[in-house]
């Protein structure tokens, strides 16, 4: 009985003082974690309604043309090279395009016309040529000075600059003859300066100015003789005036010279 009591007492002791168990650390669970902040999604813009596209009409195939309906296109005609017998202005060898321009803009002179070139006097146009100089097309008057045995080519576009002109009118030649009848007007200056003025008047090509030189340098039998330089200028001016008078009156140069000398020698 005593043994039983001891066992019972031991059981009571053990029951009263139970061993404390170590508290286990609490495990973090997914439920304890704070939820991550979620980004607010922007509200999607309402989709624009698509425009209704009309269905493309299928191109109808062109009806097959019959042989009778087919027309051949005319082939472009190429300008033929101008032949030697092609009708052009006398003494001119020009292409069809240049011939058309010449018709639109008539030239101031034609072949066989007499003209006056200021520094050379009266000449005759023998031809009109087309030439290419340094890649530039030029139309030129061919002027022949028979007495001087010289040929001059003047571009059509530089006629006015060169001073080439037609023969003087009969009225202007009458004014020149009236100038010859007047009294000589000799300036009392050095001969070298007067000689330059006379040369400028001769090269101007004006018949009245040339007549002034002839009048001032002419010497009659009862007057002192001319110096060598005076004689040269006088003869040059007289020759220029004689040629133009002969061309205007359509007479020989000898006849024209006699006429002028009679006017100069008349008292």
C-alpha atoms as a PDB file:
ATOM      1  CA  UNK A   1       0.000   0.000   0.000  1.00  0.00           C
ATOM      2  CA  UNK A   2       2.848   2.175   0.827  1.00  0.00           C
ATOM      3  CA  UNK A   3       4.393   1.511  -2.546  1.00  0.00           C
ATOM      4  CA  UNK A   4       1.181   2.387  -4.207  1.00  0.00           C
ATOM      5  CA  UNK A   5       1.009   5.620  -2.292  1.00  0.00           C
ATOM      6  CA  UNK A   6       4.584   6.517  -3.350  1.00  0.00           C
ATOM      7  CA  UNK A   7       3.769   5.881  -7.010  1.00  0.00           C
ATOM      8  CA  UNK A   8       0.635   7.936  -6.742  1.00  0.00           C
ATOM      9  CA  UNK A   9       2.574  10.723  -5.101  1.00  0.00           C
ATOM     10  CA  UNK A  10       5.142  10.657  -7.873  1.00  0.00           C
ATOM     11  CA  UNK A  11       2.431  10.826 -10.476  1.00  0.00           C
ATOM     12  CA  UNK A  12       0.914  13.863  -8.709  1.00  0.00           C
ATOM     13  CA  UNK A  13       4.300  15.577  -8.638  1.00  0.00           C
ATOM     14  CA  UNK A  14       4.848  14.949 -12.257  1.00  0.00           C
ATOM     15  CA  UNK A  15       1.340  16.086 -13.044  1.00  0.00           C
ATOM     16  CA  UNK A  16       1.711  19.295 -11.073  1.00  0.00           C
ATOM     17  CA  UNK A  17       5.048  20.355 -12.544  1.00  0.00           C
ATOM     18  CA  UNK A  18       4.912  19.748 -16.210  1.00  0.00           C
ATOM     19  CA  UNK A  19       7.964  20.739 -18.247  1.00  0.00           C
ATOM     20  CA  UNK A  20       7.604  23.925 -20.187  1.00  0.00           C
ATOM     21  CA  UNK A  21       8.004  23.388 -23.877  1.00  0.00           C
ATOM     22  CA  UNK A  22      10.015  26.050 -25.839  1.00  0.00           C
ATOM     23  CA  UNK A  23       7.823  28.400 -27.763  1.00  0.00           C
ATOM     24  CA  UNK A  24       8.563  28.051 -31.414  1.00  0.00           C
ATOM     25  CA  UNK A  25       9.039  31.246 -33.435  1.00  0.00           C
ATOM     26  CA  UNK A  26       6.090  32.176 -35.366  1.00  0.00           C
ATOM     27  CA  UNK A  27       6.564  31.548 -39.035  1.00  0.00           C
ATOM     28  CA  UNK A  28       5.746  34.320 -41.316  1.00  0.00           C
ATOM     29  CA  UNK A  29       3.069  33.240 -43.558  1.00  0.00           C
ATOM     30  CA  UNK A  30       1.918  34.679 -46.775  1.00  0.00           C
ATOM     31  CA  UNK A  31      -1.152  35.942 -45.021  1.00  0.00           C
ATOM     32  CA  UNK A  32       0.966  38.191 -42.721  1.00  0.00           C
ATOM     33  CA  UNK A  33       2.722  39.974 -45.658  1.00  0.00           C
ATOM     34  CA  UNK A  34       1.342  43.371 -46.650  1.00  0.00           C
ATOM     35  CA  UNK A  35      -0.227  43.333 -50.073  1.00  0.00           C
ATOM     36  CA  UNK A  36       1.877  45.217 -52.740  1.00  0.00           C
ATOM     37  CA  UNK A  37       0.275  48.426 -53.977  1.00  0.00           C
ATOM     38  CA  UNK A  38      -1.354  47.787 -57.310  1.00  0.00           C
ATOM     39  CA  UNK A  39      -1.067  50.348 -60.104  1.00  0.00           C
ATOM     40  CA  UNK A  40      -4.318  51.753 -61.225  1.00  0.00           C
ATOM     41  CA  UNK A  41      -4.879  50.999 -64.856  1.00  0.00           C
ATOM     42  CA  UNK A  42      -5.935  53.903 -66.994  1.00  0.00           C
ATOM     43  CA  UNK A  43      -9.286  53.558 -68.495  1.00  0.00           C
ATOM     44  CA  UNK A  44      -8.864  52.676 -72.167  1.00  0.00           C
ATOM     45  CA  UNK A  45     -10.052  55.373 -74.578  1.00  0.00           C
ATOM     46  CA  UNK A  46     -13.129  54.408 -76.473  1.00  0.00           C
ATOM     47  CA  UNK A  47     -12.214  53.078 -79.890  1.00  0.00           C
ATOM     48  CA  UNK A  48     -13.097  55.369 -82.779  1.00  0.00           C
ATOM     49  CA  UNK A  49     -15.698  53.921 -85.030  1.00  0.00           C
ATOM     50  CA  UNK A  50     -14.163  52.903 -88.360  1.00  0.00           C
ATOM     51  CA  UNK A  51     -15.450  54.675 -91.432  1.00  0.00           C
ATOM     52  CA  UNK A  52     -17.366  52.528 -93.718  1.00  0.00           C
ATOM     53  CA  UNK A  53     -15.304  52.088 -96.889  1.00  0.00           C
ATOM     54  CA  UNK A  54     -17.226  51.554-100.029  1.00  0.00           C
ATOM     55  CA  UNK A  55     -16.078  48.535-101.903  1.00  0.00           C
ATOM     56  CA  UNK A  56     -13.881  49.436-104.888  1.00  0.00           C
ATOM     57  CA  UNK A  57     -15.548  48.870-108.167  1.00  0.00           C
ATOM     58  CA  UNK A  58     -13.632  46.537-110.324  1.00  0.00           C
ATOM     59  CA  UNK A  59     -12.289  48.165-113.487  1.00  0.00           C
ATOM     60  CA  UNK A  60     -14.085  46.875-116.453  1.00  0.00           C
ATOM     61  CA  UNK A  61     -11.792  45.473-119.098  1.00  0.00           C
ATOM     62  CA  UNK A  62     -11.573  47.703-122.181  1.00  0.00           C
ATOM     63  CA  UNK A  63     -13.368  46.262-125.124  1.00  0.00           C
ATOM     64  CA  UNK A  64     -11.071  44.700-127.598  1.00  0.00           C
ATOM     65  CA  UNK A  65     -10.642  47.063-130.546  1.00  0.00           C
ATOM     66  CA  UNK A  66     -10.999  45.686-133.945  1.00  0.00           C
ATOM     67  CA  UNK A  67      -8.432  46.178-136.650  1.00  0.00           C
ATOM     68  CA  UNK A  68     -10.636  48.720-138.365  1.00  0.00           C
ATOM     69  CA  UNK A  69     -10.678  50.911-135.223  1.00  0.00           C
ATOM     70  CA  UNK A  70      -6.878  50.903-134.689  1.00  0.00           C
ATOM     71  CA  UNK A  71      -5.190  54.004-136.068  1.00  0.00           C
ATOM     72  CA  UNK A  72      -1.460  54.219-136.470  1.00  0.00           C
ATOM     73  CA  UNK A  73       0.181  57.232-134.881  1.00  0.00           C
ATOM     74  CA  UNK A  74       1.915  59.470-137.390  1.00  0.00           C
ATOM     75  CA  UNK A  75       5.685  59.225-137.104  1.00  0.00           C
ATOM     76  CA  UNK A  76       7.422  62.528-136.195  1.00  0.00           C
ATOM     77  CA  UNK A  77       8.877  63.999-139.312  1.00  0.00           C
ATOM     78  CA  UNK A  78      12.587  64.799-139.027  1.00  0.00           C
ATOM     79  CA  UNK A  79      13.691  68.015-140.726  1.00  0.00           C
ATOM     80  CA  UNK A  80      15.690  67.181-143.764  1.00  0.00           C
ATOM     81  CA  UNK A  81      19.040  68.815-144.317  1.00  0.00           C
ATOM     82  CA  UNK A  82      18.813  71.920-146.490  1.00  0.00           C
ATOM     83  CA  UNK A  83      19.768  71.089-150.022  1.00  0.00           C
ATOM     84  CA  UNK A  84      21.856  73.297-152.241  1.00  0.00           C
ATOM     85  CA  UNK A  85      18.769  74.195-154.282  1.00  0.00           C
ATOM     86  CA  UNK A  86      16.624  75.045-151.247  1.00  0.00           C
ATOM     87  CA  UNK A  87      14.987  78.472-151.706  1.00  0.00           C
ATOM     88  CA  UNK A  88      16.727  80.905-149.344  1.00  0.00           C
ATOM     89  CA  UNK A  89      17.771  84.511-149.493  1.00  0.00           C
ATOM     90  CA  UNK A  90      20.369  85.255-152.113  1.00  0.00           C
ATOM     91  CA  UNK A  91      23.818  84.326-150.950  1.00  0.00           C
ATOM     92  CA  UNK A  92      22.570  82.848-147.661  1.00  0.00           C
ATOM     93  CA  UNK A  93      22.973  79.265-146.474  1.00  0.00           C
ATOM     94  CA  UNK A  94      20.636  78.850-143.540  1.00  0.00           C
ATOM     95  CA  UNK A  95      18.777  76.064-141.803  1.00  0.00           C
ATOM     96  CA  UNK A  96      14.941  75.944-141.903  1.00  0.00           C
ATOM     97  CA  UNK A  97      14.702  77.294-138.327  1.00  0.00           C
ATOM     98  CA  UNK A  98      16.916  80.253-139.126  1.00  0.00           C
ATOM     99  CA  UNK A  99      14.940  80.899-142.290  1.00  0.00           C
ATOM    100  CA  UNK A 100      11.750  81.160-140.220  1.00  0.00           C
ATOM    101  CA  UNK A 101      13.393  83.671-137.861  1.00  0.00           C
ATOM    102  CA  UNK A 102      14.578  85.714-140.814  1.00  0.00           C
ATOM    103  CA  UNK A 103      11.003  85.916-142.083  1.00  0.00           C
ATOM    104  CA  UNK A 104       9.763  87.128-138.709  1.00  0.00           C
ATOM    105  CA  UNK A 105      12.533  89.737-138.353  1.00  0.00           C
ATOM    106  CA  UNK A 106      13.477  91.252-141.709  1.00  0.00           C
ATOM    107  CA  UNK A 107      17.084  92.330-142.040  1.00  0.00           C
ATOM    108  CA  UNK A 108      17.905  96.022-142.499  1.00  0.00           C
ATOM    109  CA  UNK A 109      19.930  95.304-145.638  1.00  0.00           C
ATOM    110  CA  UNK A 110      19.778  92.810-148.457  1.00  0.00           C
ATOM    111  CA  UNK A 111      22.261  91.491-150.982  1.00  0.00           C
ATOM    112  CA  UNK A 112      23.504  93.989-153.614  1.00  0.00           C
ATOM    113  CA  UNK A 113      22.640  96.990-151.373  1.00  0.00           C
ATOM    114  CA  UNK A 114      25.148  99.814-151.007  1.00  0.00           C
ATOM    115  CA  UNK A 115      25.941 100.737-147.409  1.00  0.00           C
ATOM    116  CA  UNK A 116      28.230 103.174-145.634  1.00  0.00           C
ATOM    117  CA  UNK A 117      30.640 101.831-143.017  1.00  0.00           C
ATOM    118  CA  UNK A 118      31.988 104.790-140.986  1.00  0.00           C
ATOM    119  CA  UNK A 119      35.684 103.920-141.058  1.00  0.00           C
ATOM    120  CA  UNK A 120      35.779 102.538-144.621  1.00  0.00           C
ATOM    121  CA  UNK A 121      33.183 104.457-146.598  1.00  0.00           C
ATOM    122  CA  UNK A 122      30.791 103.072-149.217  1.00  0.00           C
ATOM    123  CA  UNK A 123      30.684  99.314-149.778  1.00  0.00           C
ATOM    124  CA  UNK A 124      28.406  96.742-151.384  1.00  0.00           C
ATOM    125  CA  UNK A 125      26.777  93.766-149.658  1.00  0.00           C
ATOM    126  CA  UNK A 126      27.671  90.705-151.709  1.00  0.00           C
ATOM    127  CA  UNK A 127      26.249  87.961-149.451  1.00  0.00           C
ATOM    128  CA  UNK A 128      24.702  87.106-146.079  1.00  0.00           C
ATOM    129  CA  UNK A 129      26.442  84.193-144.385  1.00  0.00           C
ATOM    130  CA  UNK A 130      25.729  82.008-141.380  1.00  0.00           C
ATOM    131  CA  UNK A 131      28.802  81.136-139.353  1.00  0.00           C
ATOM    132  CA  UNK A 132      29.515  79.503-136.006  1.00  0.00           C
ATOM    133  CA  UNK A 133      32.188  81.290-133.969  1.00  0.00           C
ATOM    134  CA  UNK A 134      33.213  79.740-130.610  1.00  0.00           C
ATOM    135  CA  UNK A 135      29.968  77.745-130.494  1.00  0.00           C
ATOM    136  CA  UNK A 136      27.805  80.844-131.172  1.00  0.00           C
ATOM    137  CA  UNK A 137      25.720  81.067-134.323  1.00  0.00           C
ATOM    138  CA  UNK A 138      26.186  84.401-136.128  1.00  0.00           C
ATOM    139  CA  UNK A 139      24.528  85.804-139.224  1.00  0.00           C
ATOM    140  CA  UNK A 140      26.858  88.187-141.045  1.00  0.00           C
ATOM    141  CA  UNK A 141      26.743  90.741-143.831  1.00  0.00           C
ATOM    142  CA  UNK A 142      29.617  90.375-146.278  1.00  0.00           C
ATOM    143  CA  UNK A 143      30.553  93.908-147.377  1.00  0.00           C
ATOM    144  CA  UNK A 144      32.983  94.360-150.262  1.00  0.00           C
ATOM    145  CA  UNK A 145      34.961  97.567-150.801  1.00  0.00           C
ATOM    146  CA  UNK A 146      36.007  97.214-154.411  1.00  0.00           C
ATOM    147  CA  UNK A 147      38.335 100.209-154.605  1.00  0.00           C
ATOM    148  CA  UNK A 148      40.221  99.253-151.436  1.00  0.00           C
ATOM    149  CA  UNK A 149      40.170  95.536-152.380  1.00  0.00           C
ATOM    150  CA  UNK A 150      38.845  94.648-148.958  1.00  0.00           C
ATOM    151  CA  UNK A 151      36.040  92.406-147.650  1.00  0.00           C
ATOM    152  CA  UNK A 152      34.434  93.058-144.276  1.00  0.00           C
ATOM    153  CA  UNK A 153      32.052  90.764-142.357  1.00  0.00           C
ATOM    154  CA  UNK A 154      29.675  92.530-139.987  1.00  0.00           C
ATOM    155  CA  UNK A 155      27.401  90.530-137.592  1.00  0.00           C
ATOM    156  CA  UNK A 156      23.715  91.376-138.029  1.00  0.00           C
ATOM    157  CA  UNK A 157      23.336  92.086-134.310  1.00  0.00           C
ATOM    158  CA  UNK A 158      26.176  94.628-134.299  1.00  0.00           C
ATOM    159  CA  UNK A 159      25.131  96.762-137.250  1.00  0.00           C
ATOM    160  CA  UNK A 160      23.913  99.623-135.058  1.00  0.00           C
ATOM    161  CA  UNK A 161      26.975  99.487-132.796  1.00  0.00           C
ATOM    162  CA  UNK A 162      29.315  99.561-135.792  1.00  0.00           C
ATOM    163  CA  UNK A 163      27.393 102.504-137.269  1.00  0.00           C
ATOM    164  CA  UNK A 164      26.785 100.865-140.641  1.00  0.00           C
ATOM    165  CA  UNK A 165      23.954 102.678-142.395  1.00  0.00           C
ATOM    166  CA  UNK A 166      22.149 103.014-145.687  1.00  0.00           C
ATOM    167  CA  UNK A 167      23.121 105.607-148.257  1.00  0.00           C
ATOM    168  CA  UNK A 168      22.160 109.174-147.459  1.00  0.00           C
ATOM    169  CA  UNK A 169      18.878 110.466-148.828  1.00  0.00           C
ATOM    170  CA  UNK A 170      18.908 112.964-151.730  1.00  0.00           C
ATOM    171  CA  UNK A 171      17.775 115.666-149.296  1.00  0.00           C
ATOM    172  CA  UNK A 172      20.763 115.088-147.029  1.00  0.00           C
ATOM    173  CA  UNK A 173      23.128 115.142-150.003  1.00  0.00           C
ATOM    174  CA  UNK A 174      21.730 118.532-150.997  1.00  0.00           C
ATOM    175  CA  UNK A 175      22.583 119.804-147.499  1.00  0.00           C
ATOM    176  CA  UNK A 176      26.126 118.480-147.964  1.00  0.00           C
ATOM    177  CA  UNK A 177      26.429 120.339-151.278  1.00  0.00           C
ATOM    178  CA  UNK A 178      25.213 123.521-149.579  1.00  0.00           C
ATOM    179  CA  UNK A 179      27.938 123.064-146.943  1.00  0.00           C
ATOM    180  CA  UNK A 180      30.582 122.860-149.713  1.00  0.00           C
ATOM    181  CA  UNK A 181      29.459 126.210-151.098  1.00  0.00           C
ATOM    182  CA  UNK A 182      30.027 127.968-147.767  1.00  0.00           C
ATOM    183  CA  UNK A 183      33.153 129.755-146.573  1.00  0.00           C
ATOM    184  CA  UNK A 184      35.995 127.830-144.964  1.00  0.00           C
ATOM    185  CA  UNK A 185      36.094 127.969-141.177  1.00  0.00           C
ATOM    186  CA  UNK A 186      39.649 127.349-140.013  1.00  0.00           C
ATOM    187  CA  UNK A 187      40.336 127.427-136.267  1.00  0.00           C
ATOM    188  CA  UNK A 188      43.483 129.114-135.020  1.00  0.00           C
ATOM    189  CA  UNK A 189      44.774 126.102-133.129  1.00  0.00           C
ATOM    190  CA  UNK A 190      47.706 123.718-133.516  1.00  0.00           C
ATOM    191  CA  UNK A 191      47.569 121.568-136.639  1.00  0.00           C
ATOM    192  CA  UNK A 192      47.822 118.307-134.650  1.00  0.00           C
ATOM    193  CA  UNK A 193      44.607 119.137-132.815  1.00  0.00           C
ATOM    194  CA  UNK A 194      42.814 120.225-135.989  1.00  0.00           C
ATOM    195  CA  UNK A 195      43.959 117.044-137.742  1.00  0.00           C
ATOM    196  CA  UNK A 196      42.362 114.910-135.002  1.00  0.00           C
ATOM    197  CA  UNK A 197      39.088 116.797-135.374  1.00  0.00           C
ATOM    198  CA  UNK A 198      39.126 116.316-139.155  1.00  0.00           C
ATOM    199  CA  UNK A 199      39.821 112.581-138.792  1.00  0.00           C
ATOM    200  CA  UNK A 200      36.931 112.231-136.321  1.00  0.00           C
ATOM    201  CA  UNK A 201      34.556 113.953-138.769  1.00  0.00           C
ATOM    202  CA  UNK A 202      35.642 111.679-141.635  1.00  0.00           C
ATOM    203  CA  UNK A 203      35.258 108.501-139.561  1.00  0.00           C
ATOM    204  CA  UNK A 204      31.793 109.563-138.386  1.00  0.00           C
ATOM    205  CA  UNK A 205      30.455 108.723-141.861  1.00  0.00           C
ATOM    206  CA  UNK A 206      28.167 111.763-141.859  1.00  0.00           C
ATOM    207  CA  UNK A 207      28.219 113.364-145.354  1.00  0.00           C
ATOM    208  CA  UNK A 208      27.698 116.882-143.945  1.00  0.00           C
ATOM    209  CA  UNK A 209      30.677 116.541-141.545  1.00  0.00           C
ATOM    210  CA  UNK A 210      32.834 115.165-144.364  1.00  0.00           C
ATOM    211  CA  UNK A 211      31.782 118.071-146.570  1.00  0.00           C
ATOM    212  CA  UNK A 212      32.983 120.486-143.862  1.00  0.00           C
ATOM    213  CA  UNK A 213      36.472 118.904-143.950  1.00  0.00           C
ATOM    214  CA  UNK A 214      36.623 119.127-147.749  1.00  0.00           C
ATOM    215  CA  UNK A 215      35.493 122.783-147.658  1.00  0.00           C
ATOM    216  CA  UNK A 216      38.008 123.838-144.973  1.00  0.00           C
ATOM    217  CA  UNK A 217      41.040 122.112-146.560  1.00  0.00           C
ATOM    218  CA  UNK A 218      40.325 122.953-150.213  1.00  0.00           C
ATOM    219  CA  UNK A 219      42.755 125.374-151.850  1.00  0.00           C
ATOM    220  CA  UNK A 220      42.092 127.310-155.060  1.00  0.00           C
ATOM    221  CA  UNK A 221      44.812 128.389-157.483  1.00  0.00           C
ATOM    222  CA  UNK A 222      45.205 131.828-155.857  1.00  0.00           C
ATOM    223  CA  UNK A 223      45.605 130.341-152.334  1.00  0.00           C
ATOM    224  CA  UNK A 224      48.726 128.913-150.657  1.00  0.00           C
ATOM    225  CA  UNK A 225      49.423 125.228-151.214  1.00  0.00           C
ATOM    226  CA  UNK A 226      48.507 122.552-148.686  1.00  0.00           C
ATOM    227  CA  UNK A 227      51.025 120.749-146.535  1.00  0.00           C
ATOM    228  CA  UNK A 228      51.559 117.008-147.012  1.00  0.00           C
ATOM    229  CA  UNK A 229      49.379 116.006-144.061  1.00  0.00           C
ATOM    230  CA  UNK A 230      46.668 118.482-145.064  1.00  0.00           C
ATOM    231  CA  UNK A 231      46.674 117.087-148.590  1.00  0.00           C
ATOM    232  CA  UNK A 232      46.268 113.519-147.304  1.00  0.00           C
ATOM    233  CA  UNK A 233      43.286 114.374-145.089  1.00  0.00           C
ATOM    234  CA  UNK A 234      41.705 116.452-147.863  1.00  0.00           C
ATOM    235  CA  UNK A 235      41.975 113.664-150.440  1.00  0.00           C
ATOM    236  CA  UNK A 236      40.609 111.099-147.989  1.00  0.00           C
ATOM    237  CA  UNK A 237      37.558 113.244-147.193  1.00  0.00           C
ATOM    238  CA  UNK A 238      36.963 114.082-150.872  1.00  0.00           C
ATOM    239  CA  UNK A 239      37.175 110.400-151.856  1.00  0.00           C
ATOM    240  CA  UNK A 240      34.578 109.430-149.192  1.00  0.00           C
ATOM    241  CA  UNK A 241      32.164 112.117-150.357  1.00  0.00           C
ATOM    242  CA  UNK A 242      32.644 111.287-154.053  1.00  0.00           C
ATOM    243  CA  UNK A 243      31.816 107.597-153.485  1.00  0.00           C
ATOM    244  CA  UNK A 244      28.579 108.339-151.669  1.00  0.00           C
ATOM    245  CA  UNK A 245      27.466 110.964-154.196  1.00  0.00           C
ATOM    246  CA  UNK A 246      28.143 108.499-157.027  1.00  0.00           C
ATOM    247  CA  UNK A 247      26.173 105.736-155.251  1.00  0.00           C
ATOM    248  CA  UNK A 248      23.210 108.034-154.477  1.00  0.00           C
ATOM    249  CA  UNK A 249      23.057 109.602-157.967  1.00  0.00           C
ATOM    250  CA  UNK A 250      23.977 106.271-159.640  1.00  0.00           C
ATOM    251  CA  UNK A 251      26.797 107.771-161.691  1.00  0.00           C
ATOM    252  CA  UNK A 252      30.497 107.080-162.108  1.00  0.00           C
ATOM    253  CA  UNK A 253      32.913 108.362-159.499  1.00  0.00           C
ATOM    254  CA  UNK A 254      34.683 110.570-162.066  1.00  0.00           C
ATOM    255  CA  UNK A 255      31.412 112.339-162.874  1.00  0.00           C
ATOM    256  CA  UNK A 256      30.660 112.810-159.170  1.00  0.00           C
ATOM    257  CA  UNK A 257      34.164 114.227-158.532  1.00  0.00           C
ATOM    258  CA  UNK A 258      33.848 116.769-161.333  1.00  0.00           C
ATOM    259  CA  UNK A 259      30.554 117.925-159.875  1.00  0.00           C
ATOM    260  CA  UNK A 260      32.074 118.482-156.432  1.00  0.00           C
ATOM    261  CA  UNK A 261      35.139 120.301-157.769  1.00  0.00           C
ATOM    262  CA  UNK A 262      32.916 122.692-159.732  1.00  0.00           C
ATOM    263  CA  UNK A 263      31.049 123.557-156.542  1.00  0.00           C
ATOM    264  CA  UNK A 264      34.338 124.118-154.653  1.00  0.00           C
ATOM    265  CA  UNK A 265      35.932 126.272-157.387  1.00  0.00           C
ATOM    266  CA  UNK A 266      32.854 128.417-157.917  1.00  0.00           C
ATOM    267  CA  UNK A 267      33.359 131.963-156.627  1.00  0.00           C
END
